[in-house]
Amino acid sequence: MKGLRVNERIRIKEVTVIGEDGKQFGVLPIYQAIALAREHDLDLVEVAPNVRPPVCKIMDYGKYKYKLSKKEHEAKKKQKVIRVKEVKMTPKTNEHDYQFKVKHVKRFLSDGDKAKIIIVFKGREIVHLEFGQKMLNRIIEDTKDVGVVEQPPKKEGYNMTMILMPKSGG
């Protein structure tokens, strides 16, 4: 919270004051509220500026900022960035290469990433879309233990694509 005003930066005549322990002091003139905070070696922090009179709390502002930044840091740490990994093959990919690519897809899914499988058609191969469809269906079958289809197979120009995502609770 960057917009919090503290002590002399509060430019209002009267404020509602709350103590550090949550005790209500009621509406006080600003100079008296600041003096009360200084008696306890603390700061007067404006926590609700939009109400009339504004609500101010007596607290250690440095400690409050530190706790807030720690909380934001923890929230950032808990966020998982989901990446989309791509695997390209052709409808004529041989068995060994196919198994190798499927192993990569399974690893991506078990790591929590999404996998985009692209079947690239070259030249006249585009006439036989069913080969690409069969390959994608086989990939779905081979990865069903670790992933589910997020975007079913679809044709995009000379490519056929599909997106798999990790199975939840997996």
N, C-alpha and C. Protein backbone atom coordinates (compact mmCIF):
# COMPACT_ATOMS: atom_id res chain seq x y z
N MET A 1 0.85 -1.19 0.00
CA MET A 1 0.00 0.00 0.00
C MET A 1 0.88 1.24 0.00
N LYS A 2 1.01 1.85 -1.13
CA LYS A 2 1.88 3.02 -1.25
C LYS A 2 1.18 4.30 -0.83
N GLY A 3 -0.15 4.33 -0.85
CA GLY A 3 -0.89 5.56 -0.61
C GLY A 3 -1.20 5.87 0.83
N LEU A 4 -0.60 5.16 1.79
CA LEU A 4 -0.88 5.43 3.20
C LEU A 4 -0.15 6.69 3.67
N ARG A 5 -0.90 7.56 4.34
CA ARG A 5 -0.28 8.77 4.90
C ARG A 5 0.02 8.52 6.37
N VAL A 6 1.15 9.06 6.82
CA VAL A 6 1.63 8.81 8.18
C VAL A 6 1.91 10.13 8.89
N ASN A 7 1.57 10.19 10.19
CA ASN A 7 1.85 11.33 11.07
C ASN A 7 1.51 12.69 10.45
N GLU A 8 2.51 13.55 10.24
CA GLU A 8 2.25 14.91 9.76
C GLU A 8 1.74 14.97 8.31
N ARG A 9 1.83 13.89 7.60
CA ARG A 9 1.33 13.88 6.22
C ARG A 9 -0.19 13.78 6.16
N ILE A 10 -0.82 13.50 7.28
CA ILE A 10 -2.28 13.47 7.33
C ILE A 10 -2.76 14.91 7.45
N ARG A 11 -3.42 15.40 6.42
CA ARG A 11 -3.81 16.82 6.34
C ARG A 11 -5.31 16.99 6.56
N ILE A 12 -5.78 16.57 7.72
CA ILE A 12 -7.21 16.71 8.05
C ILE A 12 -7.29 17.19 9.50
N LYS A 13 -8.36 17.92 9.84
CA LYS A 13 -8.44 18.47 11.20
C LYS A 13 -8.77 17.42 12.26
N GLU A 14 -9.72 16.51 11.95
CA GLU A 14 -10.14 15.50 12.92
C GLU A 14 -10.10 14.11 12.28
N VAL A 15 -9.72 13.13 13.11
CA VAL A 15 -9.66 11.74 12.65
C VAL A 15 -10.24 10.81 13.71
N THR A 16 -10.74 9.65 13.24
CA THR A 16 -11.16 8.60 14.16
C THR A 16 -9.92 7.78 14.48
N VAL A 17 -9.63 7.58 15.76
CA VAL A 17 -8.38 6.92 16.15
C VAL A 17 -8.65 5.55 16.75
N ILE A 18 -7.86 4.57 16.28
CA ILE A 18 -7.91 3.20 16.82
C ILE A 18 -6.52 2.90 17.37
N GLY A 19 -6.47 2.36 18.58
CA GLY A 19 -5.19 2.04 19.20
C GLY A 19 -4.56 0.81 18.58
N GLU A 20 -3.30 0.53 18.97
CA GLU A 20 -2.56 -0.61 18.44
C GLU A 20 -3.26 -1.93 18.76
N ASP A 21 -3.89 -1.97 19.94
CA ASP A 21 -4.58 -3.19 20.38
C ASP A 21 -6.03 -3.24 19.88
N GLY A 22 -6.46 -2.27 19.06
CA GLY A 22 -7.83 -2.26 18.54
C GLY A 22 -8.79 -1.42 19.37
N LYS A 23 -8.29 -0.79 20.44
CA LYS A 23 -9.13 0.05 21.30
C LYS A 23 -9.54 1.32 20.56
N GLN A 24 -10.81 1.68 20.65
CA GLN A 24 -11.35 2.88 19.98
C GLN A 24 -11.10 4.11 20.86
N PHE A 25 -10.48 5.14 20.29
CA PHE A 25 -10.28 6.40 21.00
C PHE A 25 -11.30 7.45 20.57
N GLY A 26 -12.06 7.15 19.51
CA GLY A 26 -13.07 8.08 19.02
C GLY A 26 -12.48 9.13 18.11
N VAL A 27 -13.26 10.19 17.88
CA VAL A 27 -12.83 11.28 17.00
C VAL A 27 -11.98 12.26 17.80
N LEU A 28 -10.74 12.49 17.32
CA LEU A 28 -9.81 13.39 18.00
C LEU A 28 -9.23 14.38 16.99
N PRO A 29 -8.82 15.57 17.46
CA PRO A 29 -8.10 16.49 16.58
C PRO A 29 -6.77 15.83 16.18
N ILE A 30 -6.29 16.13 14.98
CA ILE A 30 -5.10 15.47 14.45
C ILE A 30 -3.87 15.66 15.34
N TYR A 31 -3.68 16.86 15.88
CA TYR A 31 -2.49 17.10 16.72
C TYR A 31 -2.53 16.22 17.97
N GLN A 32 -3.74 16.00 18.52
CA GLN A 32 -3.89 15.18 19.73
C GLN A 32 -3.64 13.70 19.38
N ALA A 33 -4.11 13.27 18.22
CA ALA A 33 -3.92 11.88 17.78
C ALA A 33 -2.44 11.58 17.56
N ILE A 34 -1.73 12.52 16.95
CA ILE A 34 -0.29 12.33 16.71
C ILE A 34 0.46 12.30 18.05
N ALA A 35 0.06 13.17 18.96
CA ALA A 35 0.70 13.19 20.29
C ALA A 35 0.48 11.86 21.02
N LEU A 36 -0.73 11.31 20.89
CA LEU A 36 -1.06 10.02 21.51
C LEU A 36 -0.17 8.91 20.94
N ALA A 37 0.02 8.93 19.64
CA ALA A 37 0.88 7.92 18.99
C ALA A 37 2.33 8.08 19.45
N ARG A 38 2.80 9.32 19.55
CA ARG A 38 4.19 9.58 19.95
C ARG A 38 4.42 9.14 21.40
N GLU A 39 3.40 9.25 22.26
CA GLU A 39 3.53 8.80 23.65
C GLU A 39 3.92 7.33 23.72
N HIS A 40 3.40 6.56 22.78
CA HIS A 40 3.66 5.11 22.74
C HIS A 40 4.83 4.76 21.81
N ASP A 41 5.56 5.78 21.35
CA ASP A 41 6.67 5.59 20.39
C ASP A 41 6.21 4.86 19.13
N LEU A 42 5.04 5.24 18.63
CA LEU A 42 4.48 4.63 17.42
C LEU A 42 4.08 5.71 16.43
N ASP A 43 3.53 5.29 15.31
CA ASP A 43 3.10 6.22 14.26
C ASP A 43 1.58 6.23 14.15
N LEU A 44 1.06 7.33 13.64
CA LEU A 44 -0.37 7.44 13.34
C LEU A 44 -0.49 7.21 11.83
N VAL A 45 -1.18 6.12 11.45
CA VAL A 45 -1.28 5.74 10.04
C VAL A 45 -2.73 5.81 9.59
N GLU A 46 -2.97 6.52 8.50
CA GLU A 46 -4.32 6.66 7.94
C GLU A 46 -4.65 5.36 7.18
N VAL A 47 -5.60 4.58 7.72
CA VAL A 47 -5.94 3.29 7.11
C VAL A 47 -7.20 3.35 6.24
N ALA A 48 -8.11 4.29 6.51
CA ALA A 48 -9.33 4.44 5.71
C ALA A 48 -9.52 5.92 5.38
N PRO A 49 -8.87 6.42 4.32
CA PRO A 49 -8.94 7.85 4.02
C PRO A 49 -10.26 8.30 3.39
N ASN A 50 -11.06 7.38 2.87
CA ASN A 50 -12.27 7.76 2.14
C ASN A 50 -13.50 8.00 3.01
N VAL A 51 -13.43 7.67 4.28
CA VAL A 51 -14.59 7.92 5.16
C VAL A 51 -14.40 9.26 5.86
N ARG A 52 -15.48 9.83 6.35
CA ARG A 52 -15.40 11.12 7.05
C ARG A 52 -15.85 10.93 8.48
N PRO A 53 -15.06 11.23 9.47
CA PRO A 53 -13.64 11.57 9.40
C PRO A 53 -12.80 10.32 9.10
N PRO A 54 -11.62 10.50 8.49
CA PRO A 54 -10.76 9.35 8.15
C PRO A 54 -10.39 8.53 9.38
N VAL A 55 -10.20 7.22 9.18
CA VAL A 55 -9.82 6.33 10.27
C VAL A 55 -8.30 6.19 10.28
N CYS A 56 -7.71 6.44 11.45
CA CYS A 56 -6.27 6.31 11.62
C CYS A 56 -5.99 5.30 12.72
N LYS A 57 -4.90 4.54 12.53
CA LYS A 57 -4.55 3.54 13.53
C LYS A 57 -3.16 3.84 14.07
N ILE A 58 -3.00 3.63 15.37
CA ILE A 58 -1.70 3.81 16.00
C ILE A 58 -0.95 2.49 15.85
N MET A 59 0.20 2.55 15.15
CA MET A 59 0.98 1.32 14.92
C MET A 59 2.42 1.69 14.56
N ASP A 60 3.28 0.68 14.55
CA ASP A 60 4.65 0.86 14.10
C ASP A 60 4.64 0.73 12.58
N TYR A 61 4.77 1.86 11.88
CA TYR A 61 4.62 1.87 10.42
C TYR A 61 5.70 1.02 9.73
N GLY A 62 6.91 1.07 10.21
CA GLY A 62 8.00 0.28 9.61
C GLY A 62 7.72 -1.21 9.70
N LYS A 63 7.23 -1.63 10.85
CA LYS A 63 6.90 -3.03 11.07
C LYS A 63 5.74 -3.45 10.16
N TYR A 64 4.77 -2.55 10.02
CA TYR A 64 3.59 -2.80 9.18
C TYR A 64 4.01 -2.98 7.71
N LYS A 65 4.88 -2.07 7.22
CA LYS A 65 5.37 -2.17 5.84
C LYS A 65 6.15 -3.47 5.63
N TYR A 66 6.94 -3.85 6.61
CA TYR A 66 7.73 -5.08 6.51
C TYR A 66 6.83 -6.31 6.41
N LYS A 67 5.80 -6.37 7.28
CA LYS A 67 4.87 -7.51 7.26
C LYS A 67 4.12 -7.57 5.93
N LEU A 68 3.74 -6.40 5.41
CA LEU A 68 3.02 -6.33 4.14
C LEU A 68 3.90 -6.84 3.00
N SER A 69 5.17 -6.44 2.98
CA SER A 69 6.06 -6.89 1.91
C SER A 69 6.34 -8.39 2.03
N LYS A 70 6.42 -8.91 3.26
CA LYS A 70 6.61 -10.34 3.47
C LYS A 70 5.41 -11.12 2.94
N LYS A 71 4.21 -10.59 3.20
CA LYS A 71 2.98 -11.24 2.76
C LYS A 71 2.92 -11.27 1.22
N GLU A 72 3.28 -10.17 0.58
CA GLU A 72 3.30 -10.10 -0.88
C GLU A 72 4.33 -11.07 -1.45
N HIS A 73 5.48 -11.16 -0.80
CA HIS A 73 6.54 -12.07 -1.25
C HIS A 73 6.07 -13.52 -1.16
N GLU A 74 5.40 -13.87 -0.06
CA GLU A 74 4.88 -15.23 0.11
C GLU A 74 3.83 -15.55 -0.96
N ALA A 75 2.97 -14.58 -1.26
CA ALA A 75 1.94 -14.79 -2.27
C ALA A 75 2.57 -15.02 -3.65
N LYS A 76 3.65 -14.28 -3.94
CA LYS A 76 4.34 -14.46 -5.21
C LYS A 76 4.99 -15.83 -5.29
N LYS A 77 5.55 -16.29 -4.15
CA LYS A 77 6.24 -17.57 -4.11
C LYS A 77 5.28 -18.73 -4.38
N LYS A 78 4.04 -18.59 -3.92
CA LYS A 78 3.07 -19.67 -4.05
C LYS A 78 2.48 -19.77 -5.45
N GLN A 79 2.65 -18.73 -6.26
CA GLN A 79 2.10 -18.76 -7.62
C GLN A 79 2.94 -19.69 -8.48
N LYS A 80 2.27 -20.56 -9.23
CA LYS A 80 2.95 -21.47 -10.14
C LYS A 80 2.78 -20.94 -11.56
N VAL A 81 3.89 -20.75 -12.24
CA VAL A 81 3.84 -20.29 -13.63
C VAL A 81 3.66 -21.52 -14.51
N ILE A 82 2.57 -21.54 -15.25
CA ILE A 82 2.30 -22.66 -16.15
C ILE A 82 2.81 -22.29 -17.53
N ARG A 83 3.73 -23.08 -18.00
CA ARG A 83 4.30 -22.85 -19.33
C ARG A 83 3.69 -23.84 -20.32
N VAL A 84 3.70 -23.46 -21.59
CA VAL A 84 3.23 -24.35 -22.64
C VAL A 84 4.47 -24.80 -23.42
N LYS A 85 4.74 -26.09 -23.38
CA LYS A 85 5.89 -26.66 -24.09
C LYS A 85 5.38 -27.24 -25.40
N GLU A 86 6.14 -27.05 -26.45
CA GLU A 86 5.74 -27.53 -27.77
C GLU A 86 6.52 -28.76 -28.18
N VAL A 87 5.82 -29.69 -28.83
CA VAL A 87 6.44 -30.87 -29.41
C VAL A 87 5.94 -30.96 -30.84
N LYS A 88 6.88 -30.99 -31.80
CA LYS A 88 6.51 -31.06 -33.21
C LYS A 88 6.87 -32.41 -33.78
N MET A 89 6.01 -32.92 -34.65
CA MET A 89 6.29 -34.15 -35.39
C MET A 89 5.51 -34.14 -36.70
N THR A 90 5.80 -35.09 -37.55
CA THR A 90 5.08 -35.19 -38.82
C THR A 90 4.22 -36.45 -38.77
N PRO A 91 3.25 -36.58 -39.70
CA PRO A 91 2.42 -37.80 -39.69
C PRO A 91 3.24 -39.05 -39.98
N LYS A 92 4.45 -38.89 -40.56
CA LYS A 92 5.28 -40.05 -40.89
C LYS A 92 6.39 -40.28 -39.87
N THR A 93 6.26 -39.72 -38.66
CA THR A 93 7.26 -39.90 -37.61
C THR A 93 7.37 -41.39 -37.29
N ASN A 94 8.61 -41.91 -37.27
CA ASN A 94 8.77 -43.36 -37.02
C ASN A 94 8.55 -43.68 -35.54
N GLU A 95 8.44 -44.95 -35.23
CA GLU A 95 8.03 -45.42 -33.89
C GLU A 95 8.98 -44.96 -32.79
N HIS A 96 10.29 -45.06 -33.00
CA HIS A 96 11.24 -44.67 -31.95
C HIS A 96 11.12 -43.17 -31.65
N ASP A 97 11.06 -42.36 -32.71
CA ASP A 97 10.93 -40.91 -32.51
C ASP A 97 9.61 -40.58 -31.83
N TYR A 98 8.56 -41.30 -32.20
CA TYR A 98 7.25 -41.09 -31.59
C TYR A 98 7.34 -41.36 -30.08
N GLN A 99 7.93 -42.49 -29.70
CA GLN A 99 8.05 -42.85 -28.27
C GLN A 99 8.88 -41.80 -27.52
N PHE A 100 9.93 -41.32 -28.16
CA PHE A 100 10.79 -40.30 -27.57
C PHE A 100 10.00 -39.02 -27.31
N LYS A 101 9.20 -38.59 -28.30
CA LYS A 101 8.39 -37.37 -28.16
C LYS A 101 7.32 -37.55 -27.09
N VAL A 102 6.68 -38.72 -27.04
CA VAL A 102 5.64 -38.98 -26.03
C VAL A 102 6.25 -38.95 -24.63
N LYS A 103 7.50 -39.46 -24.51
CA LYS A 103 8.17 -39.42 -23.21
C LYS A 103 8.37 -37.97 -22.76
N HIS A 104 8.74 -37.10 -23.72
CA HIS A 104 8.89 -35.67 -23.41
C HIS A 104 7.55 -35.07 -22.98
N VAL A 105 6.49 -35.38 -23.70
CA VAL A 105 5.16 -34.85 -23.37
C VAL A 105 4.77 -35.28 -21.96
N LYS A 106 4.99 -36.55 -21.63
CA LYS A 106 4.66 -37.05 -20.28
C LYS A 106 5.46 -36.31 -19.22
N ARG A 107 6.75 -36.05 -19.50
CA ARG A 107 7.58 -35.33 -18.53
C ARG A 107 7.07 -33.90 -18.33
N PHE A 108 6.70 -33.24 -19.44
CA PHE A 108 6.17 -31.88 -19.34
C PHE A 108 4.92 -31.87 -18.47
N LEU A 109 4.03 -32.80 -18.73
CA LEU A 109 2.76 -32.85 -17.99
C LEU A 109 3.00 -33.16 -16.50
N SER A 110 3.92 -34.09 -16.21
CA SER A 110 4.17 -34.43 -14.81
C SER A 110 4.89 -33.29 -14.07
N ASP A 111 5.59 -32.41 -14.83
CA ASP A 111 6.23 -31.24 -14.22
C ASP A 111 5.23 -30.11 -13.99
N GLY A 112 3.98 -30.27 -14.44
CA GLY A 112 2.96 -29.25 -14.23
C GLY A 112 2.80 -28.29 -15.39
N ASP A 113 3.50 -28.54 -16.50
CA ASP A 113 3.38 -27.67 -17.68
C ASP A 113 2.36 -28.24 -18.65
N LYS A 114 1.87 -27.38 -19.52
CA LYS A 114 0.98 -27.83 -20.59
C LYS A 114 1.84 -28.25 -21.77
N ALA A 115 1.30 -29.11 -22.62
CA ALA A 115 2.04 -29.57 -23.80
C ALA A 115 1.21 -29.30 -25.04
N LYS A 116 1.82 -28.62 -26.01
CA LYS A 116 1.16 -28.36 -27.28
C LYS A 116 1.81 -29.29 -28.31
N ILE A 117 1.01 -30.19 -28.86
CA ILE A 117 1.53 -31.12 -29.85
C ILE A 117 1.15 -30.60 -31.23
N ILE A 118 2.14 -30.48 -32.09
CA ILE A 118 1.92 -29.96 -33.44
C ILE A 118 2.32 -31.03 -34.44
N ILE A 119 1.38 -31.43 -35.28
CA ILE A 119 1.68 -32.33 -36.39
C ILE A 119 1.85 -31.45 -37.62
N VAL A 120 3.04 -31.46 -38.20
CA VAL A 120 3.35 -30.61 -39.34
C VAL A 120 3.20 -31.43 -40.62
N PHE A 121 2.33 -30.97 -41.51
CA PHE A 121 2.13 -31.62 -42.81
C PHE A 121 2.99 -30.91 -43.85
N LYS A 122 3.71 -31.71 -44.65
CA LYS A 122 4.57 -31.13 -45.68
C LYS A 122 4.04 -31.52 -47.06
N GLY A 123 3.89 -30.54 -47.91
CA GLY A 123 3.48 -30.80 -49.29
C GLY A 123 2.14 -31.49 -49.39
N ARG A 124 2.13 -32.64 -50.08
CA ARG A 124 0.87 -33.35 -50.35
C ARG A 124 0.36 -34.15 -49.14
N GLU A 125 1.13 -34.20 -48.06
CA GLU A 125 0.67 -34.91 -46.85
C GLU A 125 -0.63 -34.32 -46.33
N ILE A 126 -0.90 -33.06 -46.63
CA ILE A 126 -2.09 -32.36 -46.13
C ILE A 126 -3.37 -33.04 -46.62
N VAL A 127 -3.28 -33.78 -47.71
CA VAL A 127 -4.45 -34.49 -48.25
C VAL A 127 -4.90 -35.57 -47.27
N HIS A 128 -3.95 -36.14 -46.52
CA HIS A 128 -4.26 -37.24 -45.60
C HIS A 128 -4.26 -36.76 -44.15
N LEU A 129 -5.22 -35.90 -43.81
CA LEU A 129 -5.34 -35.38 -42.44
C LEU A 129 -5.61 -36.49 -41.44
N GLU A 130 -6.21 -37.59 -41.89
CA GLU A 130 -6.56 -38.68 -40.98
C GLU A 130 -5.31 -39.27 -40.30
N PHE A 131 -4.14 -39.23 -40.97
CA PHE A 131 -2.91 -39.75 -40.35
C PHE A 131 -2.53 -38.89 -39.14
N GLY A 132 -2.64 -37.57 -39.29
CA GLY A 132 -2.35 -36.68 -38.17
C GLY A 132 -3.35 -36.86 -37.04
N GLN A 133 -4.63 -37.03 -37.41
CA GLN A 133 -5.69 -37.25 -36.42
C GLN A 133 -5.43 -38.54 -35.64
N LYS A 134 -5.03 -39.60 -36.35
CA LYS A 134 -4.74 -40.88 -35.69
C LYS A 134 -3.57 -40.74 -34.72
N MET A 135 -2.54 -39.98 -35.15
CA MET A 135 -1.37 -39.80 -34.29
C MET A 135 -1.75 -39.03 -33.02
N LEU A 136 -2.54 -37.97 -33.16
CA LEU A 136 -2.96 -37.20 -31.98
C LEU A 136 -3.83 -38.04 -31.05
N ASN A 137 -4.72 -38.85 -31.62
CA ASN A 137 -5.55 -39.74 -30.79
C ASN A 137 -4.68 -40.75 -30.06
N ARG A 138 -3.63 -41.24 -30.73
CA ARG A 138 -2.72 -42.19 -30.09
C ARG A 138 -1.96 -41.50 -28.94
N ILE A 139 -1.57 -40.24 -29.13
CA ILE A 139 -0.88 -39.49 -28.07
C ILE A 139 -1.82 -39.31 -26.87
N ILE A 140 -3.09 -38.99 -27.15
CA ILE A 140 -4.07 -38.84 -26.06
C ILE A 140 -4.14 -40.14 -25.27
N GLU A 141 -4.21 -41.27 -25.98
CA GLU A 141 -4.31 -42.58 -25.34
C GLU A 141 -3.04 -42.89 -24.53
N ASP A 142 -1.87 -42.58 -25.09
CA ASP A 142 -0.60 -42.89 -24.43
C ASP A 142 -0.30 -41.99 -23.23
N THR A 143 -0.93 -40.81 -23.16
CA THR A 143 -0.65 -39.89 -22.05
C THR A 143 -1.83 -39.73 -21.09
N LYS A 144 -2.84 -40.59 -21.23
CA LYS A 144 -4.06 -40.41 -20.42
C LYS A 144 -3.81 -40.56 -18.92
N ASP A 145 -2.72 -41.22 -18.52
CA ASP A 145 -2.43 -41.38 -17.09
C ASP A 145 -1.89 -40.10 -16.45
N VAL A 146 -1.29 -39.19 -17.26
CA VAL A 146 -0.74 -37.95 -16.69
C VAL A 146 -1.39 -36.67 -17.20
N GLY A 147 -2.17 -36.76 -18.29
CA GLY A 147 -2.73 -35.53 -18.85
C GLY A 147 -4.11 -35.71 -19.45
N VAL A 148 -4.79 -34.58 -19.62
CA VAL A 148 -6.11 -34.55 -20.25
C VAL A 148 -6.09 -33.49 -21.36
N VAL A 149 -7.01 -33.64 -22.30
CA VAL A 149 -7.07 -32.72 -23.43
C VAL A 149 -7.68 -31.40 -22.99
N GLU A 150 -6.95 -30.30 -23.23
CA GLU A 150 -7.50 -28.98 -22.96
C GLU A 150 -8.11 -28.41 -24.24
N GLN A 151 -7.38 -28.56 -25.34
CA GLN A 151 -7.88 -28.10 -26.64
C GLN A 151 -7.81 -29.30 -27.58
N PRO A 152 -8.96 -29.77 -28.06
CA PRO A 152 -8.96 -30.94 -28.94
C PRO A 152 -8.22 -30.65 -30.26
N PRO A 153 -7.84 -31.71 -30.98
CA PRO A 153 -7.11 -31.51 -32.23
C PRO A 153 -7.87 -30.61 -33.20
N LYS A 154 -7.12 -29.66 -33.80
CA LYS A 154 -7.74 -28.80 -34.82
C LYS A 154 -6.70 -28.46 -35.87
N LYS A 155 -7.17 -28.21 -37.09
CA LYS A 155 -6.30 -27.91 -38.21
C LYS A 155 -6.04 -26.41 -38.26
N GLU A 156 -4.77 -26.04 -38.38
CA GLU A 156 -4.37 -24.64 -38.52
C GLU A 156 -3.39 -24.55 -39.68
N GLY A 157 -3.86 -24.22 -40.85
CA GLY A 157 -2.99 -24.15 -42.03
C GLY A 157 -2.45 -25.53 -42.37
N TYR A 158 -1.12 -25.65 -42.43
CA TYR A 158 -0.50 -26.94 -42.74
C TYR A 158 -0.16 -27.72 -41.45
N ASN A 159 -0.72 -27.30 -40.33
CA ASN A 159 -0.47 -27.97 -39.05
C ASN A 159 -1.78 -28.47 -38.45
N MET A 160 -1.65 -29.46 -37.59
CA MET A 160 -2.76 -29.90 -36.77
C MET A 160 -2.26 -29.82 -35.33
N THR A 161 -2.97 -29.10 -34.47
CA THR A 161 -2.48 -28.88 -33.11
C THR A 161 -3.47 -29.39 -32.08
N MET A 162 -2.92 -29.65 -30.89
CA MET A 162 -3.72 -30.09 -29.75
C MET A 162 -2.96 -29.66 -28.50
N ILE A 163 -3.69 -29.30 -27.45
CA ILE A 163 -3.03 -28.92 -26.20
C ILE A 163 -3.49 -29.87 -25.09
N LEU A 164 -2.52 -30.42 -24.38
CA LEU A 164 -2.79 -31.29 -23.23
C LEU A 164 -2.40 -30.54 -21.97
N MET A 165 -3.16 -30.77 -20.89
CA MET A 165 -2.79 -30.16 -19.62
C MET A 165 -2.66 -31.25 -18.57
N PRO A 166 -1.91 -30.99 -17.51
CA PRO A 166 -1.71 -32.01 -16.47
C PRO A 166 -3.04 -32.41 -15.83
N LYS A 167 -3.12 -33.67 -15.46
CA LYS A 167 -4.31 -34.15 -14.75
C LYS A 167 -4.31 -33.52 -13.37
N SER A 168 -5.45 -33.03 -12.93
CA SER A 168 -5.51 -32.41 -11.60
C SER A 168 -5.46 -33.49 -10.54
N GLY A 169 -4.73 -33.19 -9.46
CA GLY A 169 -4.61 -34.13 -8.34
C GLY A 169 -3.67 -35.28 -8.66
N GLY A 170 -2.90 -35.13 -9.73
CA GLY A 170 -2.12 -36.17 -10.26
C GLY A 170 -0.91 -36.63 -9.67
